[in-house]
Structure formats: structure tokens, C-alpha cells
Amino acid sequence: RKMDDKAERGEPKGGGRRGYGYARDGLTIIEAEAETLRRIADLLTSGSSLGAVAQVLNNDGVPTVTGARWSGRSVHSVISKPRVAGLRTHRGEIVGEASWPAIIAS
């Protein structure tokens, strides 16, 4: 019930690993990571593959949220999350706008 209420209000779930681009509170943007997300979006929209984007980020020394190297899969994971577009999901469905700011326009 608590999670349903949080989703209805567009609040972060809380707990777990923090989302790339946002601080642990789930609301505050980490600007360096937000810039990386915007860069990923630009590279992908200009035709780069997920693997090529991962290679660029690794070559530039850009860390993932865990400090691991980027892979095509990790690039896809961070850029495809509805949260970066300021959308709240619940039970696998987008339920509306989130209470946190979007990093990438939807």
C-alpha cells in the first residue's frame, strides 16, 4: 500500500542502488552524470551503437554508478529508464510524472 501511495504521488521508491544521474535521495540531479546521459542521448541519436558509446565513455574515463566499465548493456540500461525523463513507474508501468526533475526530455 505504501508503494502504491508513493507511486500515485510521483515520489521515488527509495532503497536499492541509486539511479544514474540522481543523488541517493532520488530527487537531486548529479550534474556530471546528467551531462553524461545527455551525451549518450546525443551519440545514440546521431547513429552511434550502444557498444560504440560504451567505448567512448570508457576511453574518456567516465565512471558508471558502481565504478565498473561501461558496456552496451549498461548504456542501454541508464538511457532507457523512464526516470531520466521525469516519469514514475510502478509495477512495470509508467504511472505519470515524477516529483523529480527530468534529465532528458521525453
Protein backbone atom coordinates (compact mmCIF):
# COMPACT_ATOMS: atom_id res chain seq x y z
CA ARG A 1 0.00 0.00 0.00
CA LYS A 2 2.82 2.40 0.88
CA MET A 3 4.47 1.82 -2.50
CA ASP A 4 1.13 2.40 -4.27
CA ASP A 5 0.75 5.72 -2.43
CA LYS A 6 4.30 6.82 -3.29
CA ALA A 7 3.74 5.94 -6.95
CA GLU A 8 0.48 7.87 -7.02
CA ARG A 9 2.27 10.97 -5.71
CA GLY A 10 5.18 10.50 -8.15
CA GLU A 11 7.69 10.05 -5.34
CA PRO A 12 10.87 7.94 -5.59
CA LYS A 13 10.65 4.32 -4.45
CA GLY A 14 13.56 4.63 -2.03
CA GLY A 15 16.09 1.94 -1.21
CA GLY A 16 18.28 -0.03 -3.59
CA ARG A 17 21.04 1.31 -5.79
CA ARG A 18 20.75 4.96 -6.72
CA GLY A 19 19.76 5.77 -10.26
CA TYR A 20 22.45 7.13 -12.56
CA GLY A 21 22.13 10.90 -12.77
CA TYR A 22 20.46 11.32 -9.37
CA ALA A 23 21.70 11.51 -5.79
CA ARG A 24 20.71 8.89 -3.21
CA ASP A 25 17.57 10.93 -2.36
CA GLY A 26 16.28 10.17 -5.86
CA LEU A 27 15.41 13.83 -6.40
CA THR A 28 18.65 15.76 -6.75
CA ILE A 29 20.41 15.74 -10.11
CA ILE A 30 24.13 14.98 -10.16
CA GLU A 31 25.08 17.35 -12.96
CA ALA A 32 28.19 15.48 -14.17
CA GLU A 33 26.14 12.31 -14.60
CA ALA A 34 23.26 14.26 -16.17
CA GLU A 35 25.72 15.61 -18.74
CA THR A 36 26.84 12.05 -19.45
CA LEU A 37 23.21 11.00 -20.00
CA ARG A 38 22.69 13.92 -22.41
CA ARG A 39 25.89 12.97 -24.20
CA ILE A 40 24.73 9.35 -24.50
CA ALA A 41 21.43 10.54 -25.97
CA ASP A 42 23.22 12.78 -28.46
CA LEU A 43 25.58 9.99 -29.54
CA LEU A 44 22.74 7.50 -29.97
CA THR A 45 20.53 9.90 -31.90
CA SER A 46 23.42 10.65 -34.24
CA GLY A 47 23.76 6.96 -35.06
CA SER A 48 26.34 5.54 -32.66
CA SER A 49 25.77 2.00 -31.44
CA LEU A 50 25.44 1.14 -27.76
CA GLY A 51 28.85 -0.54 -27.86
CA ALA A 52 30.47 2.47 -29.51
CA VAL A 53 29.00 4.79 -26.87
CA ALA A 54 30.32 2.49 -24.11
CA GLN A 55 33.77 2.59 -25.69
CA VAL A 56 33.73 6.41 -25.84
CA LEU A 57 32.72 6.65 -22.17
CA ASN A 58 35.37 4.13 -21.10
CA ASN A 59 38.06 5.88 -23.17
CA ASP A 60 37.11 9.18 -21.51
CA GLY A 61 37.26 7.63 -18.01
CA VAL A 62 33.58 8.26 -17.26
CA PRO A 63 32.53 6.02 -14.33
CA THR A 64 29.27 4.11 -14.04
CA VAL A 65 27.29 4.40 -10.81
CA THR A 66 29.19 1.37 -9.46
CA GLY A 67 32.56 2.35 -10.89
CA ALA A 68 32.53 -0.53 -13.38
CA ARG A 69 33.37 -0.16 -17.06
CA TRP A 70 30.55 0.71 -19.45
CA SER A 71 29.09 -1.91 -21.76
CA GLY A 72 26.42 -1.63 -24.42
CA ARG A 73 24.03 -3.17 -21.92
CA SER A 74 24.81 -0.63 -19.18
CA VAL A 75 24.46 2.26 -21.64
CA HIS A 76 21.05 0.93 -22.69
CA SER A 77 20.04 0.45 -19.07
CA VAL A 78 20.74 4.03 -17.95
CA ILE A 79 19.37 5.80 -21.02
CA SER A 80 16.15 3.80 -21.34
CA LYS A 81 14.91 4.30 -17.79
CA PRO A 82 11.70 6.37 -17.64
CA ARG A 83 13.10 8.07 -14.51
CA VAL A 84 15.61 10.08 -16.60
CA ALA A 85 12.64 11.54 -18.50
CA GLY A 86 10.97 12.52 -15.20
CA LEU A 87 8.43 9.70 -15.35
CA ARG A 88 7.36 7.48 -12.44
CA THR A 89 6.86 3.77 -12.92
CA HIS A 90 5.09 1.30 -10.69
CA ARG A 91 4.76 -2.43 -11.24
CA GLY A 92 6.46 -2.08 -14.61
CA GLU A 93 4.11 0.61 -15.93
CA ILE A 94 4.57 4.37 -16.33
CA VAL A 95 2.02 5.87 -13.95
CA GLY A 96 2.66 9.57 -14.51
CA GLU A 97 5.03 12.44 -13.99
CA ALA A 98 7.57 12.13 -11.22
CA SER A 99 8.33 14.53 -8.39
CA TRP A 100 11.97 14.72 -9.52
CA PRO A 101 13.21 16.76 -12.49
CA ALA A 102 13.77 15.14 -15.88
CA ILE A 103 17.31 14.98 -17.23
CA ILE A 104 16.28 14.09 -20.79
CA ALA A 105 13.06 15.37 -22.36
CA SER A 106 10.59 12.59 -23.14
